[in-house]
Amino acid sequence: DVMLPDLDGFSVSKRLRSDGTSTPVLFLTARDTLEDKAEGFAVGADDYLTKPFSLAELVMRVRAILRRSNPSESADATVLRLADLELDVDAHRVRRDGTLIDLTATEFSVLRYFMMNPDRVLSKAQILDNVWHYDFDGDSNICETYVSYLRKKLNEHGPALIHTVRLVGYVLRESSSTS
């Protein structure tokens, strides 16, 4: 953000670039003048997005930045894998141990979020924010319901991959790596 409390975003980006850090930088800010945007790009921004913005647009821009910053990984970036589970984002297909698994669009989105965050405990709030987006006003139990549906379909073809971390959330990991 350009308007950070102690050090503005332009200075942070300038400092990163002067230190030789090539980490992608995306400005998310209310400062929307052409001069602000020009300064953002001048200090090393890879993209500049002004508020208000849609979550979908933010995700598209982040993906584009990551594709540009990791060109060797982008060729297979649409296929996510964990153990014997494979999710093909472009083809909208999921396979477990080579068997095609039929998922609804929402189940696919939940699984995709898990697969983008393997071995990371995700809270219900994080899942709701990233699958149903910030404007979701429904029952938070919907998250539990879809995780249950997804877990059942995946477990038909192999050992459990989605695990509950009591009072925290859920994690996608191989059974052998749970403690």
Protein backbone atom coordinates (compact mmCIF):
# COMPACT_ATOMS: atom_id res chain seq x y z
CA ASP A 1 0.00 0.00 0.00
CA VAL A 2 1.30 3.43 -0.78
CA MET A 3 -0.06 4.91 2.45
CA LEU A 4 1.60 2.72 5.08
CA PRO A 5 1.87 4.26 8.57
CA ASP A 6 5.66 4.29 9.10
CA LEU A 7 7.17 3.95 5.64
CA ASP A 8 5.20 4.49 2.45
CA GLY A 9 4.92 1.74 -0.14
CA PHE A 10 6.97 3.66 -2.69
CA SER A 11 9.90 3.73 -0.23
CA VAL A 12 9.48 0.02 0.57
CA SER A 13 9.56 -0.88 -3.12
CA LYS A 14 12.52 1.40 -3.77
CA ARG A 15 14.41 -0.18 -0.85
CA LEU A 16 13.64 -3.72 -2.06
CA ARG A 17 14.90 -2.94 -5.55
CA SER A 18 18.02 -1.13 -4.32
CA ASP A 19 18.83 -4.18 -2.15
CA GLY A 20 18.63 -6.34 -5.30
CA THR A 21 15.43 -8.11 -4.25
CA SER A 22 13.46 -9.27 -7.27
CA THR A 23 10.31 -10.31 -5.37
CA PRO A 24 7.27 -9.22 -7.37
CA VAL A 25 5.61 -6.04 -6.12
CA LEU A 26 1.94 -5.26 -6.57
CA PHE A 27 0.61 -1.98 -5.22
CA LEU A 28 -2.94 -2.12 -3.76
CA THR A 29 -3.83 1.45 -2.95
CA ALA A 30 -6.41 4.20 -3.00
CA ARG A 31 -3.88 6.56 -4.63
CA ASP A 32 -5.11 6.51 -8.21
CA THR A 33 -3.61 9.47 -10.03
CA LEU A 34 -1.45 8.92 -13.08
CA GLU A 35 1.47 10.47 -11.16
CA ASP A 36 1.06 7.95 -8.32
CA LYS A 37 0.95 5.06 -10.78
CA ALA A 38 4.01 6.39 -12.62
CA GLU A 39 5.91 6.67 -9.34
CA GLY A 40 4.88 3.12 -8.38
CA PHE A 41 6.24 1.70 -11.61
CA ALA A 42 9.33 3.91 -11.41
CA VAL A 43 10.26 2.43 -8.00
CA GLY A 44 9.90 -1.15 -9.24
CA ALA A 45 6.23 -2.15 -9.15
CA ASP A 46 5.22 -5.10 -11.31
CA ASP A 47 1.60 -3.95 -11.21
CA TYR A 48 -0.54 -1.26 -9.61
CA LEU A 49 -4.17 -1.83 -8.61
CA THR A 50 -6.37 0.91 -7.18
CA LYS A 51 -9.12 0.53 -4.61
CA PRO A 52 -11.85 -0.48 -4.79
CA PHE A 53 -10.93 -3.63 -6.72
CA SER A 54 -12.54 -7.02 -7.14
CA LEU A 55 -10.92 -10.05 -5.59
CA ALA A 56 -11.15 -11.81 -8.96
CA GLU A 57 -9.11 -9.06 -10.63
CA LEU A 58 -6.51 -9.18 -7.86
CA VAL A 59 -6.14 -12.95 -8.29
CA MET A 60 -5.74 -12.59 -12.07
CA ARG A 61 -3.07 -9.92 -11.66
CA VAL A 62 -1.16 -11.94 -9.05
CA ARG A 63 -1.21 -14.99 -11.34
CA ALA A 64 0.07 -12.90 -14.23
CA ILE A 65 2.90 -11.49 -12.10
CA LEU A 66 3.85 -14.94 -10.88
CA ARG A 67 3.84 -16.32 -14.44
CA ARG A 68 6.17 -13.54 -15.53
CA SER A 69 8.44 -13.92 -12.52
CA ASN A 70 8.67 -17.75 -12.74
CA PRO A 71 8.53 -18.56 -16.46
CA SER A 72 10.06 -22.03 -16.03
CA GLU A 73 7.27 -23.02 -13.62
CA SER A 74 4.40 -21.53 -15.61
CA ALA A 75 4.25 -24.32 -18.19
CA ASP A 76 2.95 -26.80 -15.60
CA ALA A 77 1.44 -24.26 -13.16
CA THR A 78 -2.07 -25.28 -14.15
CA VAL A 79 -1.60 -28.80 -12.80
CA LEU A 80 -1.37 -29.08 -9.03
CA ARG A 81 -0.24 -32.32 -7.39
CA LEU A 82 -0.11 -33.82 -3.92
CA ALA A 83 0.60 -37.52 -3.39
CA ASP A 84 -1.65 -39.37 -5.87
CA LEU A 85 -4.01 -36.39 -6.25
CA GLU A 86 -3.84 -34.24 -9.37
CA LEU A 87 -5.90 -31.13 -10.11
CA ASP A 88 -5.78 -29.71 -13.63
CA VAL A 89 -6.99 -26.11 -13.40
CA ASP A 90 -7.34 -25.53 -17.14
CA ALA A 91 -9.16 -28.79 -17.88
CA HIS A 92 -11.15 -28.52 -14.63
CA ARG A 93 -10.37 -32.17 -13.83
CA VAL A 94 -9.34 -34.00 -10.70
CA ARG A 95 -7.73 -37.43 -10.61
CA ARG A 96 -6.82 -39.57 -7.63
CA ASP A 97 -4.56 -42.53 -8.30
CA GLY A 98 -5.38 -42.06 -12.00
CA THR A 99 -9.15 -42.20 -11.45
CA LEU A 100 -11.21 -39.22 -12.56
CA ILE A 101 -13.23 -37.74 -9.67
CA ASP A 102 -16.40 -35.83 -10.47
CA LEU A 103 -16.55 -32.60 -8.43
CA THR A 104 -19.01 -29.72 -8.42
CA ALA A 105 -17.64 -26.27 -9.27
CA THR A 106 -17.57 -25.32 -5.58
CA GLU A 107 -15.89 -28.56 -4.52
CA PHE A 108 -13.29 -27.96 -7.24
CA SER A 109 -12.67 -24.43 -5.92
CA VAL A 110 -12.28 -25.66 -2.34
CA LEU A 111 -9.84 -28.37 -3.44
CA ARG A 112 -7.92 -25.92 -5.58
CA TYR A 113 -7.48 -23.60 -2.59
CA PHE A 114 -6.27 -26.52 -0.46
CA MET A 115 -3.85 -27.62 -3.19
CA MET A 116 -2.46 -24.12 -3.52
CA ASN A 117 -1.74 -24.27 0.23
CA PRO A 118 -0.52 -27.81 0.97
CA ASP A 119 0.54 -28.57 4.55
CA ARG A 120 -0.85 -25.21 5.64
CA VAL A 121 -3.66 -25.16 8.19
CA LEU A 122 -6.51 -23.11 6.72
CA SER A 123 -9.23 -21.64 8.91
CA LYS A 124 -12.88 -21.68 7.88
CA ALA A 125 -12.65 -17.89 7.50
CA GLN A 126 -9.71 -18.21 5.08
CA ILE A 127 -11.55 -20.81 3.03
CA LEU A 128 -14.72 -18.70 2.96
CA ASP A 129 -12.75 -15.61 1.93
CA ASN A 130 -10.91 -17.38 -0.85
CA VAL A 131 -13.63 -19.65 -2.23
CA TRP A 132 -16.83 -17.70 -1.58
CA HIS A 133 -15.00 -14.32 -1.57
CA TYR A 134 -15.36 -11.40 0.77
CA ASP A 135 -18.95 -10.61 -0.14
CA PHE A 136 -20.24 -14.02 0.99
CA ASP A 137 -23.04 -13.52 3.53
CA GLY A 138 -24.16 -17.12 3.91
CA ASP A 139 -23.88 -19.60 6.76
CA SER A 140 -20.26 -20.34 7.72
CA ASN A 141 -21.24 -24.01 8.08
CA ILE A 142 -21.22 -24.15 4.28
CA CYS A 143 -17.44 -24.47 4.53
CA GLU A 144 -17.74 -27.56 6.76
CA THR A 145 -20.35 -29.02 4.43
CA TYR A 146 -18.22 -28.69 1.29
CA VAL A 147 -15.07 -29.93 3.03
CA SER A 148 -17.10 -32.97 4.11
CA TYR A 149 -18.36 -33.58 0.54
CA LEU A 150 -14.85 -33.21 -0.84
CA ARG A 151 -13.29 -35.41 1.82
CA LYS A 152 -15.81 -38.18 1.11
CA LYS A 153 -15.16 -38.12 -2.65
CA LEU A 154 -11.37 -38.11 -2.24
CA ASN A 155 -11.34 -40.80 0.44
CA GLU A 156 -13.17 -43.23 -1.88
CA HIS A 157 -9.95 -43.48 -3.91
CA GLY A 158 -7.22 -43.53 -1.26
CA PRO A 159 -6.14 -42.55 2.23
CA ALA A 160 -7.36 -39.32 3.79
CA LEU A 161 -5.68 -36.16 2.54
CA ILE A 162 -7.87 -33.50 4.18
CA HIS A 163 -7.43 -33.45 7.94
CA THR A 164 -9.20 -31.47 10.64
CA VAL A 165 -7.03 -29.47 13.01
CA ARG A 166 -9.31 -29.13 15.99
CA LEU A 167 -10.38 -25.55 16.81
CA VAL A 168 -8.20 -24.21 13.99
CA GLY A 169 -9.32 -25.46 10.58
CA TYR A 170 -8.29 -27.96 7.91
CA VAL A 171 -5.07 -29.04 6.25
CA LEU A 172 -4.33 -30.92 3.03
CA ARG A 173 -1.43 -33.32 3.54
CA GLU A 174 -0.49 -36.95 3.14
CA SER A 175 -1.62 -39.10 6.06
CA SER A 176 1.92 -40.23 6.83
CA SER A 177 3.00 -36.62 7.47
CA THR A 178 0.42 -35.98 10.21
CA SER A 179 1.58 -36.05 13.76
